[in-house]
Amino acid sequence: MKKYGIRITLTANNPMRLPHLLGDDWQSVHWYDTKRERDESLAHMSQQLPIYREGDNIAQVFAKIER
């Protein structure tokens, strides 16, 4: 069983939280075997995507979790 994870939720003002889209309780969890794998993945996820327009920000919240 993978022990180290990242929980992804949406920021409070994210329009994707609307009920007809993802909703208030949406989350995604990714699990990893080691802390190192998790931390490297988190660093990659936290980078600004090249497809974003200048001034846009990541509208997700990343949290490290462990089982």
C-alpha atoms as a PDB file:
ATOM      1  CA  MET A   1       0.000   0.000   0.000  1.00  0.00           C
ATOM      2  CA  LYS A   2       1.328   3.415  -0.938  1.00  0.00           C
ATOM      3  CA  LYS A   3       1.785   5.586   2.119  1.00  0.00           C
ATOM      4  CA  TYR A   4       2.511   9.147   0.962  1.00  0.00           C
ATOM      5  CA  GLY A   5      -0.006  11.261  -0.881  1.00  0.00           C
ATOM      6  CA  ILE A   6      -1.099  14.599  -2.243  1.00  0.00           C
ATOM      7  CA  ARG A   7      -4.675  15.810  -1.793  1.00  0.00           C
ATOM      8  CA  ILE A   8      -5.842  18.330  -4.379  1.00  0.00           C
ATOM      9  CA  THR A   9      -8.807  20.590  -3.682  1.00  0.00           C
ATOM     10  CA  LEU A  10     -10.092  23.788  -5.256  1.00  0.00           C
ATOM     11  CA  THR A  11      -9.548  27.306  -3.954  1.00  0.00           C
ATOM     12  CA  ALA A  12     -12.565  28.981  -2.349  1.00  0.00           C
ATOM     13  CA  ASN A  13     -13.095  31.316  -5.326  1.00  0.00           C
ATOM     14  CA  ASN A  14     -12.561  28.705  -8.051  1.00  0.00           C
ATOM     15  CA  PRO A  15     -15.488  28.800 -10.519  1.00  0.00           C
ATOM     16  CA  MET A  16     -15.209  25.022 -10.936  1.00  0.00           C
ATOM     17  CA  ARG A  17     -16.768  24.739  -7.432  1.00  0.00           C
ATOM     18  CA  LEU A  18     -20.173  25.635  -8.879  1.00  0.00           C
ATOM     19  CA  PRO A  19     -22.759  22.852  -8.320  1.00  0.00           C
ATOM     20  CA  HIS A  20     -23.191  22.141 -12.040  1.00  0.00           C
ATOM     21  CA  LEU A  21     -19.434  21.686 -12.470  1.00  0.00           C
ATOM     22  CA  LEU A  22     -17.252  19.917  -9.845  1.00  0.00           C
ATOM     23  CA  GLY A  23     -19.003  21.152  -6.700  1.00  0.00           C
ATOM     24  CA  ASP A  24     -17.733  22.259  -3.286  1.00  0.00           C
ATOM     25  CA  ASP A  25     -16.545  18.849  -2.119  1.00  0.00           C
ATOM     26  CA  TRP A  26     -14.395  17.879  -5.138  1.00  0.00           C
ATOM     27  CA  GLN A  27     -10.967  16.490  -4.380  1.00  0.00           C
ATOM     28  CA  SER A  28      -8.407  14.234  -5.972  1.00  0.00           C
ATOM     29  CA  VAL A  29      -5.757  12.156  -4.185  1.00  0.00           C
ATOM     30  CA  HIS A  30      -2.529  10.791  -5.673  1.00  0.00           C
ATOM     31  CA  TRP A  31      -0.518   8.150  -3.740  1.00  0.00           C
ATOM     32  CA  TYR A  32       3.240   7.409  -3.854  1.00  0.00           C
ATOM     33  CA  ASP A  33       5.586   4.794  -2.403  1.00  0.00           C
ATOM     34  CA  THR A  34       8.095   7.266  -0.967  1.00  0.00           C
ATOM     35  CA  LYS A  35       8.203  10.803   0.389  1.00  0.00           C
ATOM     36  CA  ARG A  36      10.729  11.673  -2.305  1.00  0.00           C
ATOM     37  CA  GLU A  37       8.394  10.593  -5.137  1.00  0.00           C
ATOM     38  CA  ARG A  38       5.541  12.538  -3.552  1.00  0.00           C
ATOM     39  CA  ASP A  39       7.613  15.681  -3.037  1.00  0.00           C
ATOM     40  CA  GLU A  40       8.964  15.595  -6.614  1.00  0.00           C
ATOM     41  CA  SER A  41       5.454  15.170  -7.974  1.00  0.00           C
ATOM     42  CA  LEU A  42       4.181  18.014  -5.787  1.00  0.00           C
ATOM     43  CA  ALA A  43       6.941  20.301  -7.050  1.00  0.00           C
ATOM     44  CA  HIS A  44       5.962  19.463 -10.626  1.00  0.00           C
ATOM     45  CA  MET A  45       2.214  19.935  -9.961  1.00  0.00           C
ATOM     46  CA  SER A  46       2.853  23.303  -8.331  1.00  0.00           C
ATOM     47  CA  GLN A  47       4.616  24.793 -11.351  1.00  0.00           C
ATOM     48  CA  GLN A  48       2.806  27.283 -13.535  1.00  0.00           C
ATOM     49  CA  LEU A  49       1.572  25.459 -16.634  1.00  0.00           C
ATOM     50  CA  PRO A  50       2.841  26.842 -19.947  1.00  0.00           C
ATOM     51  CA  ILE A  51      -0.729  26.939 -21.295  1.00  0.00           C
ATOM     52  CA  TYR A  52      -1.808  29.473 -18.649  1.00  0.00           C
ATOM     53  CA  ARG A  53      -2.113  33.087 -19.702  1.00  0.00           C
ATOM     54  CA  GLU A  54       0.142  35.635 -18.042  1.00  0.00           C
ATOM     55  CA  GLY A  55      -1.528  36.678 -14.796  1.00  0.00           C
ATOM     56  CA  ASP A  56      -3.472  33.414 -14.364  1.00  0.00           C
ATOM     57  CA  ASN A  57      -2.768  31.449 -11.202  1.00  0.00           C
ATOM     58  CA  ILE A  58      -3.162  27.811 -10.247  1.00  0.00           C
ATOM     59  CA  ALA A  59      -6.624  27.543  -8.680  1.00  0.00           C
ATOM     60  CA  GLN A  60      -5.928  24.363  -6.715  1.00  0.00           C
ATOM     61  CA  VAL A  61      -4.711  23.656  -3.203  1.00  0.00           C
ATOM     62  CA  PHE A  62      -2.122  20.903  -2.733  1.00  0.00           C
ATOM     63  CA  ALA A  63      -1.664  19.193   0.661  1.00  0.00           C
ATOM     64  CA  LYS A  64       0.776  16.490   1.661  1.00  0.00           C
ATOM     65  CA  ILE A  65      -0.914  13.551   3.404  1.00  0.00           C
ATOM     66  CA  GLU A  66       0.148  10.219   4.880  1.00  0.00           C
ATOM     67  CA  ARG A  67      -1.753   7.060   5.737  1.00  0.00           C
END
